[in-house]
Amino acid sequence: MELQAASSSTIKKKTAVSRSWIMLDHDGKGTILDVDKYAIMRLVEIHARDLRILDPLLSYPSTILGREKVIVLNLEHIKAVITAKEVLLRDPNDDDVVPIVEELRRRLPEVTYAGQGEEDKYTQNGEGGEGNEFPFEFRALEVALEAICSFLDARARDLETAAYPALDELTSKISSRNLDRVRKLKSAMTRLTNRVQKIRDELENLLDDDDDMAELYLSRKLVVSSSPTSSSYDSPNLQFSFPDLGSKIHRSSSTSATTVQGENDVEELEMLLEAYFMQIDGTLNKLATLREYIDDTEDYINIQLDNHRNQLIQLELFLSSGTVCLSLYSLVAAIFGMNIPYTWKQDHGYVFKWVVIIAGMVCASVFLSIVSYARRKGLVGS
């Protein structure tokens, strides 16, 4: 029963963590929310399939997704829903998320200009806030991108700090401990490279598609939807007399204004994304340099091991040749050691001495001949 109770409490804690959100408004004020996904869907008007991307129990790749009213952000431990007025960040008590919450509190409040309203900021001169600070959603997006790029770059620096001394130690002394240490570092580097590559690919895909970048302009879409649409062509009489003509002119003018505005805004967002794309690409290059260093070290270790292996083969060749020669010498000794009567054994004892000497010289000559042949063929070093 105690085990079941502990298990139940653990499940409740995990559920509580997965349900925990913090909502930050445009002034940086935060409100802790402990609600289920259905309440989040109603609060920010997001579809279930988009909110499922932020589920920590499911494995989804890094995503920056623009919808009609929200931006869905899934970057490693940063799981957020950004609207034109609020930011909802998941698991605000996580150690990696706490600094992001503090940074959002500091940077979300914008500088207001006297006599300038919210709508005037995004419609001045027909442009999307050019000359002013970024819209709310871009300030939140910038904090998230800066946090994830800095986080991954810090992990890469930590890996470099641990890897280079380990590789140098392995180069100086090849041992099982050093090999296992480098193997673990290489596995960690491969995992980190994949994580960085996913972020880089997502930013690259976003930069390659202007339509996707235009979807991230929530404040612009909010202002356009709330601005008056009446014009000289929208008068009741004109619409009544020529409904098709009025609707066509209105659609044409709206499309033209939106296109000009979208081009300016996309260029502004493109500059923001390119800055962090270059930063994450630098981190990836740093990991690629470390991988090359590891590969070079592995090649050097393999050369050393091949050299040692060749030395062992040479030693084995010498030992085998010596064994053959000693076997021949032992054969002569064994023949003369047999209990067979010889006529010259008593009268000519000196013959045995010469047999031993000549047999030893023959065996030595055979050994030197084998070594000389191996050197001529390049089997052993000179």
Protein backbone atom coordinates (compact mmCIF):
# COMPACT_ATOMS: atom_id res chain seq x y z
CA MET A 1 0.00 0.00 0.00
CA GLU A 2 2.84 2.41 0.85
CA LEU A 3 4.48 1.67 -2.50
CA GLN A 4 1.23 2.32 -4.33
CA ALA A 5 0.75 5.58 -2.41
CA ALA A 6 4.28 6.72 -3.29
CA SER A 7 3.71 5.81 -6.90
CA SER A 8 0.43 7.70 -6.93
CA SER A 9 2.05 10.79 -5.41
CA THR A 10 4.83 10.69 -8.01
CA ILE A 11 2.29 10.53 -10.83
CA LYS A 12 0.40 13.46 -9.31
CA LYS A 13 3.61 15.50 -9.12
CA LYS A 14 4.42 14.80 -12.76
CA THR A 15 0.88 15.73 -13.74
CA ALA A 16 1.12 18.94 -11.76
CA VAL A 17 4.37 19.87 -13.44
CA SER A 18 3.01 19.15 -16.90
CA ARG A 19 -0.06 21.33 -16.14
CA SER A 20 1.92 24.29 -14.82
CA TRP A 21 2.08 27.45 -16.96
CA ILE A 22 2.98 31.08 -16.42
CA MET A 23 1.21 33.85 -18.34
CA LEU A 24 3.15 37.09 -18.85
CA ASP A 25 1.41 40.19 -20.18
CA HIS A 26 2.86 43.15 -22.09
CA ASP A 27 4.00 44.73 -18.79
CA GLY A 28 5.96 41.63 -17.79
CA LYS A 29 3.57 40.73 -14.98
CA GLY A 30 3.24 36.98 -14.52
CA THR A 31 0.39 34.78 -13.40
CA ILE A 32 0.87 31.11 -12.53
CA LEU A 33 -1.74 28.86 -14.14
CA ASP A 34 -2.36 25.27 -13.08
CA VAL A 35 -4.89 24.25 -15.70
CA ASP A 36 -5.37 21.49 -18.21
CA LYS A 37 -4.85 21.73 -21.95
CA TYR A 38 -8.51 22.44 -22.64
CA ALA A 39 -8.35 25.61 -20.55
CA ILE A 40 -5.23 26.70 -22.45
CA MET A 41 -7.00 26.03 -25.75
CA ARG A 42 -9.91 28.24 -24.72
CA LEU A 43 -7.63 30.94 -23.30
CA VAL A 44 -5.45 31.49 -26.37
CA GLU A 45 -7.74 29.99 -29.03
CA ILE A 46 -5.33 27.30 -30.16
CA HIS A 47 -6.10 23.97 -31.78
CA ALA A 48 -5.39 20.72 -29.97
CA ARG A 49 -2.96 19.54 -32.66
CA ASP A 50 -0.84 22.67 -32.16
CA LEU A 51 -0.92 22.45 -28.37
CA ARG A 52 0.11 18.79 -28.60
CA ILE A 53 3.49 19.97 -29.94
CA LEU A 54 4.24 21.37 -26.48
CA ASP A 55 3.41 18.16 -24.62
CA PRO A 56 6.61 17.11 -22.74
CA LEU A 57 5.53 13.47 -22.88
CA LEU A 58 5.56 13.49 -26.68
CA SER A 59 8.63 13.80 -28.86
CA TYR A 60 8.29 16.61 -31.38
CA PRO A 61 11.12 18.33 -33.26
CA SER A 62 12.01 21.95 -32.66
CA THR A 63 9.24 24.10 -34.10
CA ILE A 64 8.40 27.77 -34.62
CA LEU A 65 4.85 27.67 -35.88
CA GLY A 66 2.77 30.71 -36.84
CA ARG A 67 -1.00 30.52 -36.63
CA GLU A 68 -3.78 33.06 -37.03
CA LYS A 69 -3.60 34.38 -33.46
CA VAL A 70 -0.67 32.58 -31.81
CA ILE A 71 2.93 31.49 -32.28
CA VAL A 72 3.68 27.98 -31.06
CA LEU A 73 7.26 27.71 -29.86
CA ASN A 74 8.92 24.37 -29.12
CA LEU A 75 12.68 24.84 -28.70
CA GLU A 76 14.25 22.23 -26.43
CA HIS A 77 13.06 23.08 -22.91
CA ILE A 78 11.33 26.27 -24.07
CA LYS A 79 7.69 25.44 -24.74
CA ALA A 80 5.58 28.54 -25.16
CA VAL A 81 2.48 29.99 -26.77
CA ILE A 82 2.87 33.62 -27.83
CA THR A 83 -0.07 35.87 -28.64
CA ALA A 84 -0.15 39.56 -29.52
CA LYS A 85 -0.61 40.44 -25.84
CA GLU A 86 0.56 37.51 -23.65
CA VAL A 87 3.16 34.80 -23.42
CA LEU A 88 2.31 31.43 -21.93
CA LEU A 89 5.41 29.50 -20.88
CA ARG A 90 5.29 25.89 -19.75
CA ASP A 91 6.99 24.57 -16.56
CA PRO A 92 8.08 27.97 -15.17
CA ASN A 93 9.71 26.34 -12.11
CA ASP A 94 12.16 24.33 -14.19
CA ASP A 95 15.78 25.33 -13.56
CA ASP A 96 16.37 26.03 -17.25
CA VAL A 97 13.13 27.99 -17.65
CA VAL A 98 13.46 30.30 -14.63
CA PRO A 99 16.10 32.56 -16.29
CA ILE A 100 13.85 32.87 -19.35
CA VAL A 101 10.93 33.98 -17.19
CA GLU A 102 13.11 36.64 -15.55
CA GLU A 103 14.35 37.84 -18.94
CA LEU A 104 10.79 38.05 -20.24
CA ARG A 105 9.77 40.10 -17.20
CA ARG A 106 12.59 42.52 -17.97
CA ARG A 107 12.27 42.85 -21.72
CA LEU A 108 8.57 42.50 -22.49
CA PRO A 109 7.56 45.99 -21.30
CA GLU A 110 7.92 48.37 -24.26
CA VAL A 111 8.79 52.03 -24.43
CA THR A 112 5.67 54.11 -25.03
CA TYR A 113 5.70 57.30 -27.01
CA ALA A 114 3.68 60.33 -25.97
CA GLY A 115 0.64 60.89 -28.12
CA GLN A 116 1.07 57.61 -29.96
CA GLY A 117 -1.54 54.93 -29.64
CA GLU A 118 -1.27 51.19 -30.12
CA GLU A 119 -2.72 51.32 -33.59
CA ASP A 120 -0.53 54.26 -34.64
CA LYS A 121 2.61 52.22 -33.87
CA TYR A 122 1.83 49.65 -36.52
CA THR A 123 0.15 51.89 -39.11
CA GLN A 124 2.51 54.86 -39.17
CA ASN A 125 3.29 55.76 -42.80
CA GLY A 126 1.63 52.52 -43.88
CA GLU A 127 4.45 50.43 -42.43
CA GLY A 128 4.56 47.83 -39.68
CA GLY A 129 6.04 49.82 -36.84
CA GLU A 130 9.18 50.83 -38.68
CA GLY A 131 11.34 53.05 -36.48
CA ASN A 132 9.70 51.75 -33.28
CA GLU A 133 10.47 48.80 -31.07
CA PHE A 134 9.57 45.29 -32.13
CA PRO A 135 6.00 44.18 -31.61
CA PHE A 136 5.21 42.27 -28.47
CA GLU A 137 5.42 38.83 -30.10
CA PHE A 138 8.85 39.59 -31.57
CA ARG A 139 10.24 40.69 -28.22
CA ALA A 140 9.07 37.41 -26.72
CA LEU A 141 10.41 35.45 -29.69
CA GLU A 142 13.76 37.19 -29.43
CA VAL A 143 14.08 36.29 -25.74
CA ALA A 144 13.34 32.63 -26.54
CA LEU A 145 15.79 32.48 -29.45
CA GLU A 146 18.51 34.22 -27.46
CA ALA A 147 17.98 31.85 -24.53
CA ILE A 148 18.09 28.65 -26.61
CA CYS A 149 21.11 29.79 -28.65
CA SER A 150 23.01 30.79 -25.51
CA PHE A 151 22.01 27.55 -23.79
CA LEU A 152 23.27 25.35 -26.63
CA ASP A 153 26.43 27.43 -27.06
CA ALA A 154 27.18 27.03 -23.35
CA ARG A 155 26.74 23.27 -23.65
CA ALA A 156 29.14 23.28 -26.60
CA ARG A 157 31.74 25.26 -24.63
CA ASP A 158 31.44 22.86 -21.69
CA LEU A 159 31.93 19.95 -24.07
CA GLU A 160 35.00 21.59 -25.57
CA THR A 161 36.45 22.21 -22.12
CA ALA A 162 36.11 18.52 -21.26
CA ALA A 163 36.98 17.06 -24.66
CA TYR A 164 40.28 18.68 -25.58
CA PRO A 165 42.17 17.66 -22.38
CA ALA A 166 40.71 14.15 -22.64
CA LEU A 167 41.86 13.83 -26.25
CA ASP A 168 45.36 15.10 -25.41
CA GLU A 169 45.59 12.64 -22.53
CA LEU A 170 44.51 9.81 -24.79
CA THR A 171 47.14 10.81 -27.33
CA SER A 172 49.87 10.67 -24.71
CA LYS A 173 48.63 7.44 -23.10
CA ILE A 174 46.31 4.91 -24.68
CA SER A 175 44.36 3.15 -21.95
CA SER A 176 40.92 1.68 -21.44
CA ARG A 177 39.94 4.49 -19.08
CA ASN A 178 40.93 7.21 -21.52
CA LEU A 179 39.24 5.43 -24.42
CA ASP A 180 36.00 5.07 -22.47
CA ARG A 181 36.15 8.73 -21.46
CA VAL A 182 36.55 9.88 -25.07
CA ARG A 183 33.77 7.52 -26.18
CA LYS A 184 31.34 9.11 -23.75
CA LEU A 185 32.35 12.61 -24.83
CA LYS A 186 31.90 11.68 -28.48
CA SER A 187 28.41 10.32 -27.77
CA ALA A 188 27.51 13.53 -25.93
CA MET A 189 28.85 15.59 -28.82
CA THR A 190 26.76 13.63 -31.33
CA ARG A 191 23.59 14.20 -29.30
CA LEU A 192 24.33 17.91 -28.89
CA THR A 193 25.10 18.27 -32.60
CA ASN A 194 21.72 16.77 -33.47
CA ARG A 195 19.97 19.18 -31.12
CA VAL A 196 21.77 22.20 -32.57
CA GLN A 197 21.13 20.97 -36.11
CA LYS A 198 17.38 20.80 -35.47
CA ILE A 199 17.27 24.41 -34.28
CA ARG A 200 19.37 25.54 -37.24
CA ASP A 201 17.15 23.68 -39.72
CA GLU A 202 14.01 25.22 -38.26
CA LEU A 203 15.43 28.75 -38.53
CA GLU A 204 16.65 28.06 -42.05
CA ASN A 205 13.27 26.75 -43.16
CA LEU A 206 11.59 29.78 -41.65
CA LEU A 207 13.98 32.18 -43.38
CA ASP A 208 13.40 30.47 -46.73
CA ASP A 209 9.64 31.01 -46.63
CA ASP A 210 8.33 34.61 -46.52
CA ASP A 211 4.76 33.39 -46.01
CA ASP A 212 5.73 31.55 -42.83
CA MET A 213 7.50 34.66 -41.54
CA ALA A 214 4.47 36.81 -42.35
CA GLU A 215 2.32 34.48 -40.22
CA LEU A 216 4.36 35.49 -37.16
CA TYR A 217 3.16 39.10 -37.30
CA LEU A 218 0.33 38.77 -34.81
CA SER A 219 0.12 42.48 -33.92
CA ARG A 220 -0.10 43.44 -37.59
CA LYS A 221 -2.87 40.96 -38.20
CA LEU A 222 -4.65 42.18 -35.06
CA VAL A 223 -4.47 45.81 -36.19
CA VAL A 224 -5.56 45.00 -39.73
CA SER A 225 -8.55 43.01 -38.50
CA SER A 226 -9.63 45.80 -36.12
CA SER A 227 -9.02 48.74 -38.51
CA PRO A 228 -11.99 50.29 -40.41
CA THR A 229 -12.43 48.88 -43.89
CA SER A 230 -14.71 51.51 -45.29
CA SER A 231 -13.55 53.53 -48.29
CA SER A 232 -14.97 55.64 -51.04
CA TYR A 233 -15.69 52.49 -53.01
CA ASP A 234 -17.59 50.89 -50.13
CA SER A 235 -20.53 53.28 -50.10
CA PRO A 236 -23.93 51.56 -50.12
CA ASN A 237 -24.98 53.07 -53.41
CA LEU A 238 -21.87 51.92 -55.22
CA GLN A 239 -22.09 48.48 -53.75
CA PHE A 240 -25.75 48.26 -54.61
CA SER A 241 -25.27 49.39 -58.20
CA PHE A 242 -21.98 47.66 -58.91
CA PRO A 243 -21.39 45.00 -56.23
CA ASP A 244 -18.78 43.11 -58.19
CA LEU A 245 -16.82 46.23 -59.08
CA GLY A 246 -16.78 47.49 -55.51
CA SER A 247 -15.70 44.17 -54.05
CA LYS A 248 -12.94 43.76 -56.67
CA ILE A 249 -11.52 47.25 -56.04
CA HIS A 250 -11.64 46.72 -52.29
CA ARG A 251 -9.90 43.36 -52.51
CA SER A 252 -7.27 44.78 -54.84
CA SER A 253 -6.48 47.74 -52.57
CA SER A 254 -6.38 45.55 -49.45
CA THR A 255 -4.10 43.03 -51.13
CA SER A 256 -1.73 45.73 -52.35
CA ALA A 257 -1.49 47.40 -48.93
CA THR A 258 -1.00 44.08 -47.18
CA THR A 259 1.69 43.06 -49.68
CA VAL A 260 3.70 46.25 -49.17
CA GLN A 261 3.30 46.03 -45.43
CA GLY A 262 4.18 42.31 -45.42
CA GLU A 263 7.37 42.88 -47.40
CA ASN A 264 8.60 45.50 -44.95
CA ASP A 265 7.69 43.43 -41.92
CA VAL A 266 9.23 40.25 -43.31
CA GLU A 267 12.47 42.09 -43.92
CA GLU A 268 12.46 43.29 -40.33
CA LEU A 269 11.81 39.81 -38.96
CA GLU A 270 14.33 38.32 -41.36
CA MET A 271 17.08 40.45 -39.85
CA LEU A 272 16.13 39.22 -36.39
CA LEU A 273 16.11 35.56 -37.40
CA GLU A 274 19.34 35.83 -39.38
CA ALA A 275 21.19 37.10 -36.31
CA TYR A 276 20.28 34.01 -34.30
CA PHE A 277 20.73 31.76 -37.31
CA MET A 278 24.33 32.95 -37.52
CA GLN A 279 24.78 32.36 -33.80
CA ILE A 280 23.42 28.81 -33.90
CA ASP A 281 25.41 28.16 -37.08
CA GLY A 282 28.55 29.27 -35.22
CA THR A 283 27.77 26.78 -32.47
CA LEU A 284 27.34 24.07 -35.08
CA ASN A 285 30.67 24.98 -36.66
CA LYS A 286 32.28 24.82 -33.24
CA LEU A 287 30.97 21.29 -32.79
CA ALA A 288 32.10 20.39 -36.30
CA THR A 289 35.62 21.57 -35.45
CA LEU A 290 35.56 19.46 -32.31
CA ARG A 291 34.40 16.45 -34.33
CA GLU A 292 37.29 16.95 -36.76
CA TYR A 293 39.71 17.08 -33.84
CA ILE A 294 38.25 13.86 -32.47
CA ASP A 295 38.49 12.22 -35.89
CA ASP A 296 42.12 13.32 -36.24
CA THR A 297 42.88 11.96 -32.78
CA GLU A 298 41.22 8.65 -33.67
CA ASP A 299 43.30 8.45 -36.86
CA TYR A 300 46.46 9.10 -34.85
CA ILE A 301 45.49 6.45 -32.30
CA ASN A 302 44.79 3.96 -35.07
CA ILE A 303 48.21 4.66 -36.60
CA GLN A 304 49.83 4.08 -33.24
CA LEU A 305 47.91 0.86 -32.75
CA ASP A 306 48.87 -0.31 -36.23
CA ASN A 307 52.50 0.42 -35.47
CA HIS A 308 52.32 -1.57 -32.25
CA ARG A 309 50.58 -4.36 -34.09
CA ASN A 310 53.37 -4.43 -36.67
CA GLN A 311 55.97 -4.57 -33.94
CA LEU A 312 54.21 -7.51 -32.36
CA ILE A 313 54.11 -9.27 -35.73
CA GLN A 314 57.85 -8.72 -36.14
CA LEU A 315 58.49 -10.08 -32.67
CA GLU A 316 56.31 -13.07 -33.44
CA LEU A 317 58.29 -13.67 -36.65
CA PHE A 318 61.61 -13.60 -34.78
CA LEU A 319 60.29 -15.94 -32.11
CA SER A 320 58.88 -18.35 -34.65
CA SER A 321 62.14 -18.40 -36.61
CA GLY A 322 64.12 -18.98 -33.45
CA THR A 323 61.75 -21.76 -32.42
CA VAL A 324 62.24 -23.51 -35.77
CA CYS A 325 66.02 -23.29 -35.50
CA LEU A 326 66.02 -24.57 -31.92
CA SER A 327 63.75 -27.40 -32.99
CA LEU A 328 66.34 -28.47 -35.59
CA TYR A 329 69.09 -28.26 -33.01
CA SER A 330 66.98 -30.27 -30.57
CA LEU A 331 66.40 -32.85 -33.28
CA VAL A 332 70.14 -33.41 -33.67
CA ALA A 333 70.54 -33.65 -29.89
CA ALA A 334 67.65 -36.09 -29.70
CA ILE A 335 69.18 -38.33 -32.39
CA PHE A 336 72.50 -38.50 -30.62
CA GLY A 337 70.77 -38.97 -27.31
CA MET A 338 69.27 -42.28 -28.40
CA ASN A 339 70.55 -45.44 -26.73
CA ILE A 340 72.07 -46.82 -29.92
CA PRO A 341 75.60 -48.28 -29.94
CA TYR A 342 78.07 -46.49 -32.26
CA THR A 343 81.49 -47.87 -33.24
CA TRP A 344 83.10 -44.44 -33.08
CA LYS A 345 81.51 -43.47 -29.79
CA GLN A 346 84.32 -44.89 -27.65
CA ASP A 347 87.24 -44.40 -30.02
CA HIS A 348 86.29 -41.11 -31.64
CA GLY A 349 84.54 -39.06 -28.92
CA TYR A 350 85.66 -35.80 -30.52
CA VAL A 351 83.25 -36.43 -33.41
CA PHE A 352 80.29 -35.60 -31.13
CA LYS A 353 81.80 -32.21 -30.35
CA TRP A 354 82.03 -31.29 -34.03
CA VAL A 355 78.49 -32.48 -34.66
CA VAL A 356 77.20 -30.17 -31.95
CA ILE A 357 79.20 -27.21 -33.25
CA ILE A 358 78.22 -27.74 -36.87
CA ALA A 359 74.54 -28.23 -35.95
CA GLY A 360 74.55 -24.96 -33.99
CA MET A 361 76.15 -23.09 -36.87
CA VAL A 362 73.63 -24.49 -39.33
CA CYS A 363 70.71 -23.48 -37.11
CA ALA A 364 72.12 -19.97 -36.69
CA SER A 365 72.59 -19.69 -40.45
CA VAL A 366 68.98 -20.74 -41.03
CA PHE A 367 67.77 -18.11 -38.53
CA LEU A 368 69.84 -15.34 -40.18
CA SER A 369 68.63 -16.39 -43.60
CA ILE A 370 64.98 -16.13 -42.51
CA VAL A 371 65.52 -12.67 -41.00
CA SER A 372 67.40 -11.49 -44.08
CA TYR A 373 64.63 -12.74 -46.37
CA ALA A 374 61.96 -11.01 -44.27
CA ARG A 375 63.84 -7.69 -44.46
CA ARG A 376 64.30 -7.92 -48.23
CA LYS A 377 60.57 -8.50 -48.64
CA GLY A 378 59.75 -5.61 -46.27
CA LEU A 379 58.13 -7.86 -43.68
CA VAL A 380 60.22 -6.38 -40.85
CA GLY A 381 61.89 -3.01 -40.37
CA SER A 382 65.51 -2.62 -41.27
